[in-house]
Amino acid sequence: MRGDIETYFEDGRWKNRVEGNDQASSTHLNKEEASADGREMAIVHAVDHITRNRDGTISEHDVYPRGRDPHTGGGVTRAHRR
């Protein structure tokens, strides 16, 4: 996987996709579930996870560097959080 994971709202649903793709990888009823799923995808692929608000603005931008395991207490860098 090359692109970062984006969690966004579209057509009444929260979705995740690899940035640059038109099609969603997953859809969810609420932001919390979508964000948790997007976070796991980003961790597995060691890419950034960008969470957007309903209006498209960025609410969180987390960085998951390759070779660090955030499940054991390290690895996430908060690049941007609102």
PDB file of N, CA and C in Angstrom:
ATOM      1  N   MET A   1       0.852  -1.180   0.000  1.00  0.00           N
ATOM      2  CA  MET A   1       0.000   0.000   0.000  1.00  0.00           C
ATOM      3  C   MET A   1       0.893   1.237   0.000  1.00  0.00           C
ATOM      4  N   ARG A   2       0.577   2.189  -0.833  1.00  0.00           N
ATOM      5  CA  ARG A   2       1.412   3.374  -0.951  1.00  0.00           C
ATOM      6  C   ARG A   2       0.807   4.594  -0.273  1.00  0.00           C
ATOM      7  N   GLY A   3      -0.511   4.771  -0.357  1.00  0.00           N
ATOM      8  CA  GLY A   3      -1.134   5.992   0.128  1.00  0.00           C
ATOM      9  C   GLY A   3      -1.527   5.938   1.588  1.00  0.00           C
ATOM     10  N   ASP A   4      -1.704   7.112   2.148  1.00  0.00           N
ATOM     11  CA  ASP A   4      -2.179   7.220   3.520  1.00  0.00           C
ATOM     12  C   ASP A   4      -3.653   6.833   3.586  1.00  0.00           C
ATOM     13  N   ILE A   5      -4.126   6.544   4.788  1.00  0.00           N
ATOM     14  CA  ILE A   5      -5.527   6.182   5.003  1.00  0.00           C
ATOM     15  C   ILE A   5      -6.296   7.435   5.400  1.00  0.00           C
ATOM     16  N   GLU A   6      -7.425   7.637   4.766  1.00  0.00           N
ATOM     17  CA  GLU A   6      -8.266   8.794   5.025  1.00  0.00           C
ATOM     18  C   GLU A   6      -9.632   8.331   5.518  1.00  0.00           C
ATOM     19  N   THR A   7     -10.072   8.871   6.657  1.00  0.00           N
ATOM     20  CA  THR A   7     -11.417   8.643   7.180  1.00  0.00           C
ATOM     21  C   THR A   7     -12.221   9.907   6.885  1.00  0.00           C
ATOM     22  N   TYR A   8     -13.373   9.755   6.226  1.00  0.00           N
ATOM     23  CA  TYR A   8     -14.136  10.916   5.766  1.00  0.00           C
ATOM     24  C   TYR A   8     -15.633  10.590   5.740  1.00  0.00           C
ATOM     25  N   PHE A   9     -16.457  11.632   5.629  1.00  0.00           N
ATOM     26  CA  PHE A   9     -17.915  11.498   5.593  1.00  0.00           C
ATOM     27  C   PHE A   9     -18.412  11.777   4.181  1.00  0.00           C
ATOM     28  N   GLU A  10     -19.253  10.872   3.671  1.00  0.00           N
ATOM     29  CA  GLU A  10     -19.801  11.037   2.323  1.00  0.00           C
ATOM     30  C   GLU A  10     -21.106  10.261   2.205  1.00  0.00           C
ATOM     31  N   ASP A  11     -22.101  10.883   1.628  1.00  0.00           N
ATOM     32  CA  ASP A  11     -23.396  10.236   1.376  1.00  0.00           C
ATOM     33  C   ASP A  11     -24.008   9.618   2.632  1.00  0.00           C
ATOM     34  N   GLY A  12     -23.897  10.324   3.755  1.00  0.00           N
ATOM     35  CA  GLY A  12     -24.516   9.876   4.993  1.00  0.00           C
ATOM     36  C   GLY A  12     -23.781   8.771   5.729  1.00  0.00           C
ATOM     37  N   ARG A  13     -22.581   8.419   5.295  1.00  0.00           N
ATOM     38  CA  ARG A  13     -21.802   7.342   5.926  1.00  0.00           C
ATOM     39  C   ARG A  13     -20.369   7.803   6.148  1.00  0.00           C
ATOM     40  N   TRP A  14     -19.745   7.227   7.178  1.00  0.00           N
ATOM     41  CA  TRP A  14     -18.316   7.429   7.417  1.00  0.00           C
ATOM     42  C   TRP A  14     -17.562   6.350   6.671  1.00  0.00           C
ATOM     43  N   LYS A  15     -16.496   6.741   5.995  1.00  0.00           N
ATOM     44  CA  LYS A  15     -15.777   5.810   5.121  1.00  0.00           C
ATOM     45  C   LYS A  15     -14.266   5.923   5.319  1.00  0.00           C
ATOM     46  N   ASN A  16     -13.572   4.872   4.891  1.00  0.00           N
ATOM     47  CA  ASN A  16     -12.112   4.858   4.840  1.00  0.00           C
ATOM     48  C   ASN A  16     -11.694   4.548   3.420  1.00  0.00           C
ATOM     49  N   ARG A  17     -10.611   5.173   3.002  1.00  0.00           N
ATOM     50  CA  ARG A  17     -10.031   4.850   1.697  1.00  0.00           C
ATOM     51  C   ARG A  17      -8.539   5.155   1.734  1.00  0.00           C
ATOM     52  N   VAL A  18      -7.845   4.542   0.803  1.00  0.00           N
ATOM     53  CA  VAL A  18      -6.451   4.890   0.580  1.00  0.00           C
ATOM     54  C   VAL A  18      -6.461   6.179  -0.223  1.00  0.00           C
ATOM     55  N   GLU A  19      -5.727   7.192   0.235  1.00  0.00           N
ATOM     56  CA  GLU A  19      -5.712   8.469  -0.473  1.00  0.00           C
ATOM     57  C   GLU A  19      -5.364   8.261  -1.938  1.00  0.00           C
ATOM     58  N   GLY A  20      -6.108   8.912  -2.789  1.00  0.00           N
ATOM     59  CA  GLY A  20      -5.916   8.782  -4.227  1.00  0.00           C
ATOM     60  C   GLY A  20      -6.902   7.824  -4.868  1.00  0.00           C
ATOM     61  N   ASN A  21      -7.486   6.936  -4.072  1.00  0.00           N
ATOM     62  CA  ASN A  21      -8.499   6.014  -4.591  1.00  0.00           C
ATOM     63  C   ASN A  21      -9.866   6.679  -4.549  1.00  0.00           C
ATOM     64  N   ASP A  22     -10.699   6.372  -5.523  1.00  0.00           N
ATOM     65  CA  ASP A  22     -12.061   6.896  -5.537  1.00  0.00           C
ATOM     66  C   ASP A  22     -13.000   6.056  -4.681  1.00  0.00           C
ATOM     67  N   GLN A  23     -12.736   4.764  -4.611  1.00  0.00           N
ATOM     68  CA  GLN A  23     -13.626   3.841  -3.912  1.00  0.00           C
ATOM     69  C   GLN A  23     -13.199   3.659  -2.452  1.00  0.00           C
ATOM     70  N   ALA A  24     -14.196   3.618  -1.564  1.00  0.00           N
ATOM     71  CA  ALA A  24     -13.936   3.397  -0.142  1.00  0.00           C
ATOM     72  C   ALA A  24     -13.532   1.953   0.122  1.00  0.00           C
ATOM     73  N   SER A  25     -12.643   1.775   1.085  1.00  0.00           N
ATOM     74  CA  SER A  25     -12.234   0.439   1.527  1.00  0.00           C
ATOM     75  C   SER A  25     -13.229  -0.131   2.526  1.00  0.00           C
ATOM     76  N   SER A  26     -13.880   0.771   3.294  1.00  0.00           N
ATOM     77  CA  SER A  26     -14.871   0.336   4.279  1.00  0.00           C
ATOM     78  C   SER A  26     -15.845   1.474   4.541  1.00  0.00           C
ATOM     79  N   THR A  27     -17.060   1.128   5.008  1.00  0.00           N
ATOM     80  CA  THR A  27     -18.066   2.122   5.373  1.00  0.00           C
ATOM     81  C   THR A  27     -18.582   1.807   6.771  1.00  0.00           C
ATOM     82  N   HIS A  28     -18.998   2.863   7.488  1.00  0.00           N
ATOM     83  CA  HIS A  28     -19.401   2.727   8.887  1.00  0.00           C
ATOM     84  C   HIS A  28     -20.549   3.688   9.198  1.00  0.00           C
ATOM     85  N   LEU A  29     -21.282   3.383  10.257  1.00  0.00           N
ATOM     86  CA  LEU A  29     -22.405   4.225  10.666  1.00  0.00           C
ATOM     87  C   LEU A  29     -21.961   5.449  11.448  1.00  0.00           C
ATOM     88  N   ASN A  30     -20.789   5.378  12.109  1.00  0.00           N
ATOM     89  CA  ASN A  30     -20.345   6.525  12.888  1.00  0.00           C
ATOM     90  C   ASN A  30     -18.847   6.762  12.736  1.00  0.00           C
ATOM     91  N   LYS A  31     -18.438   7.962  13.105  1.00  0.00           N
ATOM     92  CA  LYS A  31     -17.048   8.388  12.946  1.00  0.00           C
ATOM     93  C   LYS A  31     -16.100   7.566  13.809  1.00  0.00           C
ATOM     94  N   GLU A  32     -16.519   7.220  15.017  1.00  0.00           N
ATOM     95  CA  GLU A  32     -15.650   6.481  15.928  1.00  0.00           C
ATOM     96  C   GLU A  32     -15.256   5.124  15.357  1.00  0.00           C
ATOM     97  N   GLU A  33     -16.233   4.387  14.822  1.00  0.00           N
ATOM     98  CA  GLU A  33     -15.941   3.071  14.232  1.00  0.00           C
ATOM     99  C   GLU A  33     -15.060   3.208  12.997  1.00  0.00           C
ATOM    100  N   ALA A  34     -15.379   4.184  12.165  1.00  0.00           N
ATOM    101  CA  ALA A  34     -14.590   4.388  10.947  1.00  0.00           C
ATOM    102  C   ALA A  34     -13.159   4.778  11.292  1.00  0.00           C
ATOM    103  N   SER A  35     -13.008   5.653  12.275  1.00  0.00           N
ATOM    104  CA  SER A  35     -11.678   6.097  12.669  1.00  0.00           C
ATOM    105  C   SER A  35     -10.855   4.951  13.253  1.00  0.00           C
ATOM    106  N   ALA A  36     -11.477   4.115  14.069  1.00  0.00           N
ATOM    107  CA  ALA A  36     -10.770   2.962  14.647  1.00  0.00           C
ATOM    108  C   ALA A  36     -10.317   1.999  13.554  1.00  0.00           C
ATOM    109  N   ASP A  37     -11.175   1.756  12.577  1.00  0.00           N
ATOM    110  CA  ASP A  37     -10.826   0.870  11.468  1.00  0.00           C
ATOM    111  C   ASP A  37      -9.710   1.482  10.618  1.00  0.00           C
ATOM    112  N   GLY A  38      -9.818   2.769  10.333  1.00  0.00           N
ATOM    113  CA  GLY A  38      -8.786   3.462   9.563  1.00  0.00           C
ATOM    114  C   GLY A  38      -7.447   3.460  10.273  1.00  0.00           C
ATOM    115  N   ARG A  39      -7.480   3.645  11.590  1.00  0.00           N
ATOM    116  CA  ARG A  39      -6.253   3.616  12.392  1.00  0.00           C
ATOM    117  C   ARG A  39      -5.564   2.264  12.275  1.00  0.00           C
ATOM    118  N   GLU A  40      -6.336   1.186  12.395  1.00  0.00           N
ATOM    119  CA  GLU A  40      -5.760  -0.163  12.280  1.00  0.00           C
ATOM    120  C   GLU A  40      -5.152  -0.391  10.897  1.00  0.00           C
ATOM    121  N   MET A  41      -5.834   0.086   9.860  1.00  0.00           N
ATOM    122  CA  MET A  41      -5.298  -0.044   8.501  1.00  0.00           C
ATOM    123  C   MET A  41      -3.966   0.696   8.387  1.00  0.00           C
ATOM    124  N   ALA A  42      -3.900   1.901   8.944  1.00  0.00           N
ATOM    125  CA  ALA A  42      -2.676   2.703   8.876  1.00  0.00           C
ATOM    126  C   ALA A  42      -1.537   2.051   9.654  1.00  0.00           C
ATOM    127  N   ILE A  43      -1.845   1.475  10.808  1.00  0.00           N
ATOM    128  CA  ILE A  43      -0.822   0.798  11.611  1.00  0.00           C
ATOM    129  C   ILE A  43      -0.246  -0.381  10.846  1.00  0.00           C
ATOM    130  N   VAL A  44      -1.116  -1.203  10.292  1.00  0.00           N
ATOM    131  CA  VAL A  44      -0.679  -2.398   9.562  1.00  0.00           C
ATOM    132  C   VAL A  44       0.227  -2.028   8.393  1.00  0.00           C
ATOM    133  N   HIS A  45      -0.102  -0.938   7.700  1.00  0.00           N
ATOM    134  CA  HIS A  45       0.641  -0.566   6.499  1.00  0.00           C
ATOM    135  C   HIS A  45       1.688   0.524   6.745  1.00  0.00           C
ATOM    136  N   ALA A  46       1.835   0.942   8.015  1.00  0.00           N
ATOM    137  CA  ALA A  46       2.826   1.956   8.405  1.00  0.00           C
ATOM    138  C   ALA A  46       2.710   3.219   7.548  1.00  0.00           C
ATOM    139  N   VAL A  47       1.484   3.745   7.490  1.00  0.00           N
ATOM    140  CA  VAL A  47       1.221   4.983   6.757  1.00  0.00           C
ATOM    141  C   VAL A  47       0.500   5.953   7.688  1.00  0.00           C
ATOM    142  N   ASP A  48       0.288   7.172   7.248  1.00  0.00           N
ATOM    143  CA  ASP A  48      -0.443   8.160   8.033  1.00  0.00           C
ATOM    144  C   ASP A  48      -1.936   7.837   8.033  1.00  0.00           C
ATOM    145  N   HIS A  49      -2.615   8.281   9.089  1.00  0.00           N
ATOM    146  CA  HIS A  49      -4.075   8.179   9.158  1.00  0.00           C
ATOM    147  C   HIS A  49      -4.622   9.591   9.318  1.00  0.00           C
ATOM    148  N   ILE A  50      -5.401  10.023   8.351  1.00  0.00           N
ATOM    149  CA  ILE A  50      -5.990  11.358   8.352  1.00  0.00           C
ATOM    150  C   ILE A  50      -7.488  11.221   8.576  1.00  0.00           C
ATOM    151  N   THR A  51      -7.985  11.851   9.642  1.00  0.00           N
ATOM    152  CA  THR A  51      -9.412  11.827   9.952  1.00  0.00           C
ATOM    153  C   THR A  51      -9.985  13.209   9.669  1.00  0.00           C
ATOM    154  N   ARG A  52     -11.054  13.245   8.907  1.00  0.00           N
ATOM    155  CA  ARG A  52     -11.682  14.512   8.537  1.00  0.00           C
ATOM    156  C   ARG A  52     -13.017  14.690   9.263  1.00  0.00           C
ATOM    157  N   ASN A  53     -13.407  15.939   9.460  1.00  0.00           N
ATOM    158  CA  ASN A  53     -14.734  16.267   9.970  1.00  0.00           C
ATOM    159  C   ASN A  53     -15.737  16.157   8.825  1.00  0.00           C
ATOM    160  N   ARG A  54     -17.014  16.290   9.149  1.00  0.00           N
ATOM    161  CA  ARG A  54     -18.059  16.234   8.113  1.00  0.00           C
ATOM    162  C   ARG A  54     -17.834  17.261   7.010  1.00  0.00           C
ATOM    163  N   ASP A  55     -17.282  18.422   7.373  1.00  0.00           N
ATOM    164  CA  ASP A  55     -17.069  19.485   6.382  1.00  0.00           C
ATOM    165  C   ASP A  55     -15.781  19.305   5.574  1.00  0.00           C
ATOM    166  N   GLY A  56     -15.038  18.229   5.832  1.00  0.00           N
ATOM    167  CA  GLY A  56     -13.829  17.940   5.070  1.00  0.00           C
ATOM    168  C   GLY A  56     -12.544  18.452   5.686  1.00  0.00           C
ATOM    169  N   THR A  57     -12.655  19.280   6.730  1.00  0.00           N
ATOM    170  CA  THR A  57     -11.441  19.755   7.391  1.00  0.00           C
ATOM    171  C   THR A  57     -10.801  18.620   8.190  1.00  0.00           C
ATOM    172  N   ILE A  58      -9.500  18.690   8.378  1.00  0.00           N
ATOM    173  CA  ILE A  58      -8.777  17.645   9.104  1.00  0.00           C
ATOM    174  C   ILE A  58      -8.976  17.820  10.604  1.00  0.00           C
ATOM    175  N   SER A  59      -9.420  16.756  11.278  1.00  0.00           N
ATOM    176  CA  SER A  59      -9.553  16.788  12.734  1.00  0.00           C
ATOM    177  C   SER A  59      -8.369  16.113  13.416  1.00  0.00           C
ATOM    178  N   GLU A  60      -7.780  15.104  12.774  1.00  0.00           N
ATOM    179  CA  GLU A  60      -6.599  14.417  13.307  1.00  0.00           C
ATOM    180  C   GLU A  60      -5.715  13.960  12.159  1.00  0.00           C
ATOM    181  N   HIS A  61      -4.415  13.948  12.427  1.00  0.00           N
ATOM    182  CA  HIS A  61      -3.451  13.415  11.461  1.00  0.00           C
ATOM    183  C   HIS A  61      -2.397  12.678  12.273  1.00  0.00           C
ATOM    184  N   ASP A  62      -2.470  11.361  12.259  1.00  0.00           N
ATOM    185  CA  ASP A  62      -1.549  10.523  13.019  1.00  0.00           C
ATOM    186  C   ASP A  62      -0.569   9.843  12.076  1.00  0.00           C
ATOM    187  N   VAL A  63       0.686   9.748  12.512  1.00  0.00           N
ATOM    188  CA  VAL A  63       1.754   9.153  11.715  1.00  0.00           C
ATOM    189  C   VAL A  63       2.172   7.846  12.374  1.00  0.00           C
ATOM    190  N   TYR A  64       2.181   6.767  11.602  1.00  0.00           N
ATOM    191  CA  TYR A  64       2.590   5.454  12.101  1.00  0.00           C
ATOM    192  C   TYR A  64       3.837   5.012  11.344  1.00  0.00           C
ATOM    193  N   PRO A  65       5.020   5.331  11.882  1.00  0.00           N
ATOM    194  CA  PRO A  65       6.255   4.993  11.166  1.00  0.00           C
ATOM    195  C   PRO A  65       6.511   3.500  11.102  1.00  0.00           C
ATOM    196  N   ARG A  66       7.101   3.075  10.019  1.00  0.00           N
ATOM    197  CA  ARG A  66       7.465   1.669   9.830  1.00  0.00           C
ATOM    198  C   ARG A  66       8.466   1.261  10.911  1.00  0.00           C
ATOM    199  N   GLY A  67       8.284   0.044  11.428  1.00  0.00           N
ATOM    200  CA  GLY A  67       9.230  -0.494  12.394  1.00  0.00           C
ATOM    201  C   GLY A  67       8.942  -0.149  13.837  1.00  0.00           C
ATOM    202  N   ARG A  68       7.845   0.557  14.102  1.00  0.00           N
ATOM    203  CA  ARG A  68       7.470   0.873  15.482  1.00  0.00           C
ATOM    204  C   ARG A  68       6.063   0.365  15.713  1.00  0.00           C
ATOM    205  N   ASP A  69       5.828  -0.254  16.843  1.00  0.00           N
ATOM    206  CA  ASP A  69       4.538  -0.871  17.130  1.00  0.00           C
ATOM    207  C   ASP A  69       3.756  -0.028  18.131  1.00  0.00           C
ATOM    208  N   PRO A  70       2.741   0.730  17.686  1.00  0.00           N
ATOM    209  CA  PRO A  70       1.966   1.563  18.596  1.00  0.00           C
ATOM    210  C   PRO A  70       1.161   0.765  19.610  1.00  0.00           C
ATOM    211  N   HIS A  71       0.983  -0.535  19.381  1.00  0.00           N
ATOM    212  CA  HIS A  71       0.245  -1.359  20.332  1.00  0.00           C
ATOM    213  C   HIS A  71       1.051  -1.613  21.601  1.00  0.00           C
ATOM    214  N   THR A  72       2.351  -1.357  21.563  1.00  0.00           N
ATOM    215  CA  THR A  72       3.193  -1.607  22.732  1.00  0.00           C
ATOM    216  C   THR A  72       3.671  -0.312  23.369  1.00  0.00           C
ATOM    217  N   GLY A  73       2.962   0.769  23.118  1.00  0.00           N
ATOM    218  CA  GLY A  73       3.255   2.011  23.813  1.00  0.00           C
ATOM    219  C   GLY A  73       4.050   3.034  23.022  1.00  0.00           C
ATOM    220  N   GLY A  74       4.429   2.753  21.808  1.00  0.00           N
ATOM    221  CA  GLY A  74       5.177   3.730  21.023  1.00  0.00           C
ATOM    222  C   GLY A  74       4.729   3.692  19.589  1.00  0.00           C
ATOM    223  N   GLY A  75       5.158   4.668  18.839  1.00  0.00           N
ATOM    224  CA  GLY A  75       4.934   4.597  17.413  1.00  0.00           C
ATOM    225  C   GLY A  75       4.024   5.638  16.823  1.00  0.00           C
ATOM    226  N   VAL A  76       3.125   6.212  17.577  1.00  0.00           N
ATOM    227  CA  VAL A  76       2.232   7.196  16.972  1.00  0.00           C
ATOM    228  C   VAL A  76       2.787   8.593  17.223  1.00  0.00           C
ATOM    229  N   THR A  77       2.744   9.391  16.199  1.00  0.00           N
ATOM    230  CA  THR A  77       3.128  10.787  16.291  1.00  0.00           C
ATOM    231  C   THR A  77       1.923  11.608  15.874  1.00  0.00           C
ATOM    232  N   ARG A  78       1.507  12.516  16.715  1.00  0.00           N
ATOM    233  CA  ARG A  78       0.373  13.375  16.381  1.00  0.00           C
ATOM    234  C   ARG A  78       0.888  14.527  15.532  1.00  0.00           C
ATOM    235  N   ALA A  79       0.656  14.439  14.249  1.00  0.00           N
ATOM    236  CA  ALA A  79       1.108  15.486  13.341  1.00  0.00           C
ATOM    237  C   ALA A  79       0.171  16.683  13.389  1.00  0.00           C
ATOM    238  N   HIS A  80      -1.103  16.417  13.619  1.00  0.00           N
ATOM    239  CA  HIS A  80      -2.096  17.491  13.601  1.00  0.00           C
ATOM    240  C   HIS A  80      -3.329  17.003  14.345  1.00  0.00           C
ATOM    241  N   ARG A  81      -3.837  17.801  15.250  1.00  0.00           N
ATOM    242  CA  ARG A  81      -5.049  17.400  15.957  1.00  0.00           C
ATOM    243  C   ARG A  81      -5.861  18.641  16.286  1.00  0.00           C
ATOM    244  N   ARG A  82      -7.152  18.594  15.970  1.00  0.00           N
ATOM    245  CA  ARG A  82      -8.060  19.709  16.294  1.00  0.00           C
ATOM    246  C   ARG A  82      -9.245  19.196  17.050  1.00  0.00           C
TER     247      ARG A  82
END
